[in-house]
């Protein structure tokens, strides 16, 4: 099994592409979903967030108020780094557990849906393929304004806070052009899916895994012989 990173920008259509891949039977690990799970009440990350940011970031039911927490870190680089240091290790551990689950079930590849894939770069070294969902800046701005009910100024501020899609496009192995209609996007997703299914990358990964397991078994056997000789 090999790993595929899927990313994009706000209102670029990444969620649409992720849904299309899921419909084709691809296992998807959504970093946003995982991020919500690791900060649920009574988790380690939850306790540390409340300790560092105070109870004012909680909703009445005791859950983290993601909107309020987002506002706090949006204007403070220091607080953003602190939050990332709390949540990112927990997110990565949870994602690794899901990857192992799919590996044991024999899937050829798993798609990691990660919005900040190229911003953090912590996962890119483990990926065989990276996919960016791209749309032109004018379309992205229009979609964001319409989707979230924002003014042009508000939408531009949010886009300015992210890595530009053109920059992400240059870093990716594959690009899904999502400036047009849904049917065109779906055709591109089908082509990508076929290319990944036909890839031999999973064979290489399994050969390495088997070789590593065999090597470890040999070392353990040798150690046992020494101990009991």
C-alpha atoms as a PDB file:
ATOM      1  CA  UNK A   1       0.000   0.000   0.000  1.00  0.00           C
ATOM      2  CA  UNK A   2       1.231   3.503  -0.767  1.00  0.00           C
ATOM      3  CA  UNK A   3       0.062   6.939   0.353  1.00  0.00           C
ATOM      4  CA  UNK A   4      -1.479   9.730  -1.722  1.00  0.00           C
ATOM      5  CA  UNK A   5      -1.749  13.282  -0.385  1.00  0.00           C
ATOM      6  CA  UNK A   6      -4.770  15.344  -1.437  1.00  0.00           C
ATOM      7  CA  UNK A   7      -4.835  19.084  -0.825  1.00  0.00           C
ATOM      8  CA  UNK A   8      -6.137  22.349  -2.212  1.00  0.00           C
ATOM      9  CA  UNK A   9      -7.251  25.714  -0.936  1.00  0.00           C
ATOM     10  CA  UNK A  10     -10.359  27.163   0.618  1.00  0.00           C
ATOM     11  CA  UNK A  11     -13.270  26.899  -1.857  1.00  0.00           C
ATOM     12  CA  UNK A  12     -11.096  25.162  -4.479  1.00  0.00           C
ATOM     13  CA  UNK A  13     -13.235  22.012  -4.475  1.00  0.00           C
ATOM     14  CA  UNK A  14     -11.023  19.616  -2.515  1.00  0.00           C
ATOM     15  CA  UNK A  15     -13.992  18.196  -0.602  1.00  0.00           C
ATOM     16  CA  UNK A  16     -15.785  17.516  -3.894  1.00  0.00           C
ATOM     17  CA  UNK A  17     -12.810  15.592  -5.269  1.00  0.00           C
ATOM     18  CA  UNK A  18     -12.420  13.707  -1.985  1.00  0.00           C
ATOM     19  CA  UNK A  19     -16.081  12.649  -2.157  1.00  0.00           C
ATOM     20  CA  UNK A  20     -15.653  11.473  -5.754  1.00  0.00           C
ATOM     21  CA  UNK A  21     -12.654   9.336  -4.795  1.00  0.00           C
ATOM     22  CA  UNK A  22     -14.571   7.877  -1.857  1.00  0.00           C
ATOM     23  CA  UNK A  23     -17.450   6.961  -4.194  1.00  0.00           C
ATOM     24  CA  UNK A  24     -14.912   5.075  -6.343  1.00  0.00           C
ATOM     25  CA  UNK A  25     -13.987   2.976  -3.313  1.00  0.00           C
ATOM     26  CA  UNK A  26     -10.821   4.797  -2.286  1.00  0.00           C
ATOM     27  CA  UNK A  27     -10.143   4.856   1.461  1.00  0.00           C
ATOM     28  CA  UNK A  28      -9.954   8.493   2.602  1.00  0.00           C
ATOM     29  CA  UNK A  29      -8.396   9.719   5.830  1.00  0.00           C
ATOM     30  CA  UNK A  30      -9.685  13.262   6.361  1.00  0.00           C
ATOM     31  CA  UNK A  31      -7.292  15.305   8.522  1.00  0.00           C
ATOM     32  CA  UNK A  32     -10.090  17.745   9.447  1.00  0.00           C
ATOM     33  CA  UNK A  33     -12.280  14.905  10.757  1.00  0.00           C
ATOM     34  CA  UNK A  34      -9.330  13.469  12.680  1.00  0.00           C
ATOM     35  CA  UNK A  35      -8.528  16.938  14.062  1.00  0.00           C
ATOM     36  CA  UNK A  36     -12.030  17.213  15.501  1.00  0.00           C
ATOM     37  CA  UNK A  37     -11.811  13.779  17.102  1.00  0.00           C
ATOM     38  CA  UNK A  38      -8.482  14.368  18.861  1.00  0.00           C
ATOM     39  CA  UNK A  39      -9.823  17.463  20.668  1.00  0.00           C
ATOM     40  CA  UNK A  40     -13.018  15.861  21.938  1.00  0.00           C
ATOM     41  CA  UNK A  41     -13.626  16.156  25.716  1.00  0.00           C
ATOM     42  CA  UNK A  42     -11.440  13.967  27.948  1.00  0.00           C
ATOM     43  CA  UNK A  43      -8.683  13.593  25.362  1.00  0.00           C
ATOM     44  CA  UNK A  44      -5.087  14.643  26.042  1.00  0.00           C
ATOM     45  CA  UNK A  45      -5.170  17.433  23.455  1.00  0.00           C
ATOM     46  CA  UNK A  46      -8.476  18.759  24.860  1.00  0.00           C
ATOM     47  CA  UNK A  47      -7.022  19.056  28.375  1.00  0.00           C
ATOM     48  CA  UNK A  48      -3.914  20.869  27.129  1.00  0.00           C
ATOM     49  CA  UNK A  49      -5.946  23.299  25.019  1.00  0.00           C
ATOM     50  CA  UNK A  50      -8.164  24.230  27.980  1.00  0.00           C
ATOM     51  CA  UNK A  51      -5.070  24.597  30.189  1.00  0.00           C
ATOM     52  CA  UNK A  52      -3.254  26.936  27.765  1.00  0.00           C
ATOM     53  CA  UNK A  53      -6.177  28.871  26.253  1.00  0.00           C
ATOM     54  CA  UNK A  54      -8.611  28.879  29.178  1.00  0.00           C
ATOM     55  CA  UNK A  55     -12.235  27.751  29.598  1.00  0.00           C
ATOM     56  CA  UNK A  56     -13.438  30.659  27.453  1.00  0.00           C
ATOM     57  CA  UNK A  57     -12.692  28.519  24.351  1.00  0.00           C
ATOM     58  CA  UNK A  58     -15.371  26.029  25.399  1.00  0.00           C
ATOM     59  CA  UNK A  59     -18.989  25.799  24.325  1.00  0.00           C
ATOM     60  CA  UNK A  60     -21.753  25.363  26.895  1.00  0.00           C
ATOM     61  CA  UNK A  61     -21.698  21.580  26.360  1.00  0.00           C
ATOM     62  CA  UNK A  62     -17.985  21.470  27.196  1.00  0.00           C
ATOM     63  CA  UNK A  63     -16.711  20.939  23.655  1.00  0.00           C
ATOM     64  CA  UNK A  64     -14.041  23.118  22.056  1.00  0.00           C
ATOM     65  CA  UNK A  65     -15.471  26.193  20.339  1.00  0.00           C
ATOM     66  CA  UNK A  66     -13.500  25.828  17.119  1.00  0.00           C
ATOM     67  CA  UNK A  67     -14.642  29.204  15.789  1.00  0.00           C
ATOM     68  CA  UNK A  68     -13.522  31.079  18.903  1.00  0.00           C
ATOM     69  CA  UNK A  69     -10.239  29.177  19.049  1.00  0.00           C
ATOM     70  CA  UNK A  70      -9.704  29.931  15.372  1.00  0.00           C
ATOM     71  CA  UNK A  71     -10.175  33.638  15.999  1.00  0.00           C
ATOM     72  CA  UNK A  72      -7.598  33.541  18.794  1.00  0.00           C
ATOM     73  CA  UNK A  73      -4.877  31.928  16.706  1.00  0.00           C
ATOM     74  CA  UNK A  74      -5.682  33.835  13.503  1.00  0.00           C
ATOM     75  CA  UNK A  75      -4.160  37.031  14.903  1.00  0.00           C
ATOM     76  CA  UNK A  76      -1.316  35.441  16.882  1.00  0.00           C
ATOM     77  CA  UNK A  77       1.520  33.441  15.351  1.00  0.00           C
ATOM     78  CA  UNK A  78       2.683  32.376  18.815  1.00  0.00           C
ATOM     79  CA  UNK A  79      -0.732  30.978  19.773  1.00  0.00           C
ATOM     80  CA  UNK A  80      -1.053  29.264  16.396  1.00  0.00           C
ATOM     81  CA  UNK A  81       2.288  27.507  16.906  1.00  0.00           C
ATOM     82  CA  UNK A  82       1.250  26.501  20.432  1.00  0.00           C
ATOM     83  CA  UNK A  83      -2.019  24.995  19.204  1.00  0.00           C
ATOM     84  CA  UNK A  84      -0.235  23.163  16.398  1.00  0.00           C
ATOM     85  CA  UNK A  85       2.300  21.726  18.863  1.00  0.00           C
ATOM     86  CA  UNK A  86      -0.622  20.318  20.864  1.00  0.00           C
ATOM     87  CA  UNK A  87      -2.798  18.961  18.072  1.00  0.00           C
ATOM     88  CA  UNK A  88      -0.449  17.914  15.265  1.00  0.00           C
ATOM     89  CA  UNK A  89       1.254  15.007  17.096  1.00  0.00           C
ATOM     90  CA  UNK A  90      -2.145  13.640  18.135  1.00  0.00           C
ATOM     91  CA  UNK A  91      -3.528  14.032  14.612  1.00  0.00           C
ATOM     92  CA  UNK A  92      -0.557  12.211  13.104  1.00  0.00           C
ATOM     93  CA  UNK A  93      -0.843   9.331  15.596  1.00  0.00           C
ATOM     94  CA  UNK A  94      -4.556   8.940  14.852  1.00  0.00           C
ATOM     95  CA  UNK A  95      -3.917   9.024  11.087  1.00  0.00           C
ATOM     96  CA  UNK A  96      -1.180   6.413  11.424  1.00  0.00           C
ATOM     97  CA  UNK A  97      -3.605   4.065  13.179  1.00  0.00           C
ATOM     98  CA  UNK A  98      -6.053   4.419  10.287  1.00  0.00           C
ATOM     99  CA  UNK A  99      -3.270   3.850   7.735  1.00  0.00           C
ATOM    100  CA  UNK A 100      -2.278   0.609   9.460  1.00  0.00           C
ATOM    101  CA  UNK A 101      -5.933  -0.459   9.498  1.00  0.00           C
ATOM    102  CA  UNK A 102      -6.225  -0.032   5.718  1.00  0.00           C
ATOM    103  CA  UNK A 103      -2.816  -1.642   5.154  1.00  0.00           C
ATOM    104  CA  UNK A 104      -3.917  -4.775   7.003  1.00  0.00           C
ATOM    105  CA  UNK A 105      -7.074  -4.886   4.894  1.00  0.00           C
ATOM    106  CA  UNK A 106      -4.955  -5.050   1.730  1.00  0.00           C
ATOM    107  CA  UNK A 107      -5.760  -1.726   0.027  1.00  0.00           C
ATOM    108  CA  UNK A 108      -3.426  -0.639  -2.755  1.00  0.00           C
ATOM    109  CA  UNK A 109      -3.328   2.969  -1.551  1.00  0.00           C
ATOM    110  CA  UNK A 110      -4.857   5.395   0.933  1.00  0.00           C
ATOM    111  CA  UNK A 111      -5.690   9.049   0.283  1.00  0.00           C
ATOM    112  CA  UNK A 112      -4.730  11.498   3.028  1.00  0.00           C
ATOM    113  CA  UNK A 113      -6.982  14.555   2.727  1.00  0.00           C
ATOM    114  CA  UNK A 114      -4.810  17.281   4.295  1.00  0.00           C
ATOM    115  CA  UNK A 115      -5.615  21.004   3.788  1.00  0.00           C
ATOM    116  CA  UNK A 116      -2.170  22.199   4.965  1.00  0.00           C
ATOM    117  CA  UNK A 117      -0.157  19.451   3.302  1.00  0.00           C
ATOM    118  CA  UNK A 118       2.474  21.738   1.763  1.00  0.00           C
ATOM    119  CA  UNK A 119       2.376  24.351   4.519  1.00  0.00           C
ATOM    120  CA  UNK A 120       3.531  21.953   7.252  1.00  0.00           C
ATOM    121  CA  UNK A 121       5.452  19.507   4.989  1.00  0.00           C
ATOM    122  CA  UNK A 122       5.477  16.942   7.805  1.00  0.00           C
ATOM    123  CA  UNK A 123       3.764  14.256   5.753  1.00  0.00           C
ATOM    124  CA  UNK A 124       5.106  14.889   2.249  1.00  0.00           C
ATOM    125  CA  UNK A 125       8.184  12.661   2.710  1.00  0.00           C
ATOM    126  CA  UNK A 126       5.887   9.667   3.288  1.00  0.00           C
ATOM    127  CA  UNK A 127       3.781  10.238   0.164  1.00  0.00           C
ATOM    128  CA  UNK A 128       4.244   8.554  -3.210  1.00  0.00           C
ATOM    129  CA  UNK A 129       1.858  10.964  -4.941  1.00  0.00           C
ATOM    130  CA  UNK A 130       0.517  14.440  -4.173  1.00  0.00           C
ATOM    131  CA  UNK A 131      -2.648  15.857  -5.709  1.00  0.00           C
ATOM    132  CA  UNK A 132      -3.749  19.498  -5.722  1.00  0.00           C
ATOM    133  CA  UNK A 133      -7.301  20.551  -6.502  1.00  0.00           C
ATOM    134  CA  UNK A 134      -6.896  23.822  -8.371  1.00  0.00           C
ATOM    135  CA  UNK A 135      -9.197  26.568  -9.610  1.00  0.00           C
ATOM    136  CA  UNK A 136      -8.341  29.998 -10.942  1.00  0.00           C
ATOM    137  CA  UNK A 137      -8.173  32.880  -8.400  1.00  0.00           C
ATOM    138  CA  UNK A 138     -11.319  34.638  -9.669  1.00  0.00           C
ATOM    139  CA  UNK A 139     -13.385  31.445  -9.410  1.00  0.00           C
ATOM    140  CA  UNK A 140     -11.992  30.684  -5.966  1.00  0.00           C
ATOM    141  CA  UNK A 141     -12.859  34.179  -4.707  1.00  0.00           C
ATOM    142  CA  UNK A 142     -16.373  34.027  -6.143  1.00  0.00           C
ATOM    143  CA  UNK A 143     -17.054  30.573  -4.670  1.00  0.00           C
ATOM    144  CA  UNK A 144     -15.780  31.597  -1.249  1.00  0.00           C
ATOM    145  CA  UNK A 145     -17.944  34.728  -1.163  1.00  0.00           C
ATOM    146  CA  UNK A 146     -21.028  32.771  -2.218  1.00  0.00           C
ATOM    147  CA  UNK A 147     -20.398  29.773   0.033  1.00  0.00           C
ATOM    148  CA  UNK A 148     -19.642  31.639   3.263  1.00  0.00           C
ATOM    149  CA  UNK A 149     -21.634  34.822   2.649  1.00  0.00           C
ATOM    150  CA  UNK A 150     -18.524  37.015   2.792  1.00  0.00           C
ATOM    151  CA  UNK A 151     -17.785  40.401   1.331  1.00  0.00           C
ATOM    152  CA  UNK A 152     -15.030  40.588  -1.265  1.00  0.00           C
ATOM    153  CA  UNK A 153     -12.684  42.162   1.290  1.00  0.00           C
ATOM    154  CA  UNK A 154     -13.347  39.414   3.855  1.00  0.00           C
ATOM    155  CA  UNK A 155     -12.866  36.686   1.258  1.00  0.00           C
ATOM    156  CA  UNK A 156      -9.615  38.235   0.021  1.00  0.00           C
ATOM    157  CA  UNK A 157      -8.295  38.354   3.590  1.00  0.00           C
ATOM    158  CA  UNK A 158      -8.947  34.650   4.047  1.00  0.00           C
ATOM    159  CA  UNK A 159      -7.294  33.775   0.744  1.00  0.00           C
ATOM    160  CA  UNK A 160      -4.284  35.950   1.586  1.00  0.00           C
ATOM    161  CA  UNK A 161      -3.768  33.932   4.790  1.00  0.00           C
ATOM    162  CA  UNK A 162      -3.240  30.734   2.760  1.00  0.00           C
ATOM    163  CA  UNK A 163      -0.508  29.497   0.456  1.00  0.00           C
ATOM    164  CA  UNK A 164      -1.588  30.470  -3.097  1.00  0.00           C
ATOM    165  CA  UNK A 165      -2.997  27.633  -5.192  1.00  0.00           C
ATOM    166  CA  UNK A 166      -0.512  28.416  -7.963  1.00  0.00           C
ATOM    167  CA  UNK A 167       2.324  27.689  -5.545  1.00  0.00           C
ATOM    168  CA  UNK A 168       0.724  24.437  -4.398  1.00  0.00           C
ATOM    169  CA  UNK A 169       0.155  23.484  -8.013  1.00  0.00           C
ATOM    170  CA  UNK A 170       3.883  23.672  -8.659  1.00  0.00           C
ATOM    171  CA  UNK A 171       4.618  21.322  -5.760  1.00  0.00           C
ATOM    172  CA  UNK A 172       2.166  18.566  -6.702  1.00  0.00           C
ATOM    173  CA  UNK A 173       2.584  15.450  -8.866  1.00  0.00           C
ATOM    174  CA  UNK A 174      -1.023  15.629 -10.082  1.00  0.00           C
ATOM    175  CA  UNK A 175      -3.429  18.531 -10.582  1.00  0.00           C
ATOM    176  CA  UNK A 176      -7.222  18.355 -10.717  1.00  0.00           C
ATOM    177  CA  UNK A 177      -8.419  21.448 -12.583  1.00  0.00           C
ATOM    178  CA  UNK A 178     -11.702  22.409 -10.910  1.00  0.00           C
ATOM    179  CA  UNK A 179     -12.454  25.778 -12.484  1.00  0.00           C
ATOM    180  CA  UNK A 180     -15.125  24.303 -14.751  1.00  0.00           C
ATOM    181  CA  UNK A 181     -18.136  22.042 -14.281  1.00  0.00           C
ATOM    182  CA  UNK A 182     -18.579  18.991 -12.084  1.00  0.00           C
ATOM    183  CA  UNK A 183     -18.565  16.558 -15.032  1.00  0.00           C
ATOM    184  CA  UNK A 184     -15.145  17.747 -16.183  1.00  0.00           C
ATOM    185  CA  UNK A 185     -13.783  17.402 -12.655  1.00  0.00           C
ATOM    186  CA  UNK A 186     -15.243  13.908 -12.402  1.00  0.00           C
ATOM    187  CA  UNK A 187     -13.519  12.831 -15.634  1.00  0.00           C
ATOM    188  CA  UNK A 188     -10.180  14.024 -14.237  1.00  0.00           C
ATOM    189  CA  UNK A 189     -10.779  12.157 -10.979  1.00  0.00           C
ATOM    190  CA  UNK A 190     -11.539   8.967 -12.921  1.00  0.00           C
ATOM    191  CA  UNK A 191      -8.266   9.322 -14.853  1.00  0.00           C
ATOM    192  CA  UNK A 192      -6.350   9.881 -11.624  1.00  0.00           C
ATOM    193  CA  UNK A 193      -8.020   6.887  -9.983  1.00  0.00           C
ATOM    194  CA  UNK A 194      -7.113   4.652 -12.939  1.00  0.00           C
ATOM    195  CA  UNK A 195      -3.512   5.864 -12.870  1.00  0.00           C
ATOM    196  CA  UNK A 196      -3.195   5.164  -9.141  1.00  0.00           C
ATOM    197  CA  UNK A 197      -4.865   1.756  -9.437  1.00  0.00           C
ATOM    198  CA  UNK A 198      -2.456   0.794 -12.221  1.00  0.00           C
ATOM    199  CA  UNK A 199       0.579   2.000 -10.269  1.00  0.00           C
ATOM    200  CA  UNK A 200       3.095  -0.586  -9.108  1.00  0.00           C
ATOM    201  CA  UNK A 201       4.143   1.535  -6.121  1.00  0.00           C
ATOM    202  CA  UNK A 202       2.209  -0.702  -3.731  1.00  0.00           C
ATOM    203  CA  UNK A 203       4.310  -3.712  -4.777  1.00  0.00           C
ATOM    204  CA  UNK A 204       7.532  -1.908  -3.901  1.00  0.00           C
ATOM    205  CA  UNK A 205       6.158  -0.906  -0.498  1.00  0.00           C
ATOM    206  CA  UNK A 206       5.069  -4.461   0.262  1.00  0.00           C
ATOM    207  CA  UNK A 207       8.429  -5.901  -0.809  1.00  0.00           C
ATOM    208  CA  UNK A 208      10.193  -3.465   1.529  1.00  0.00           C
ATOM    209  CA  UNK A 209       7.769  -4.313   4.354  1.00  0.00           C
ATOM    210  CA  UNK A 210       8.273  -8.062   3.882  1.00  0.00           C
ATOM    211  CA  UNK A 211      12.052  -7.655   3.677  1.00  0.00           C
ATOM    212  CA  UNK A 212      12.081  -5.553   6.839  1.00  0.00           C
ATOM    213  CA  UNK A 213       9.937  -8.109   8.660  1.00  0.00           C
ATOM    214  CA  UNK A 214      12.145 -10.983   7.524  1.00  0.00           C
ATOM    215  CA  UNK A 215      15.276  -9.094   8.565  1.00  0.00           C
ATOM    216  CA  UNK A 216      13.824  -8.331  11.988  1.00  0.00           C
ATOM    217  CA  UNK A 217      12.791 -11.961  12.440  1.00  0.00           C
ATOM    218  CA  UNK A 218      16.293 -13.085  11.539  1.00  0.00           C
ATOM    219  CA  UNK A 219      17.854 -10.705  14.053  1.00  0.00           C
ATOM    220  CA  UNK A 220      15.511 -11.890  16.807  1.00  0.00           C
ATOM    221  CA  UNK A 221      16.215 -15.542  16.003  1.00  0.00           C
ATOM    222  CA  UNK A 222      19.951 -14.898  16.098  1.00  0.00           C
ATOM    223  CA  UNK A 223      19.599 -13.131  19.467  1.00  0.00           C
ATOM    224  CA  UNK A 224      17.619 -16.049  20.902  1.00  0.00           C
ATOM    225  CA  UNK A 225      20.276 -18.533  19.757  1.00  0.00           C
ATOM    226  CA  UNK A 226      23.004 -16.490  21.441  1.00  0.00           C
ATOM    227  CA  UNK A 227      21.040 -16.223  24.688  1.00  0.00           C
ATOM    228  CA  UNK A 228      20.369 -19.946  24.911  1.00  0.00           C
ATOM    229  CA  UNK A 229      23.659 -21.281  23.516  1.00  0.00           C
END
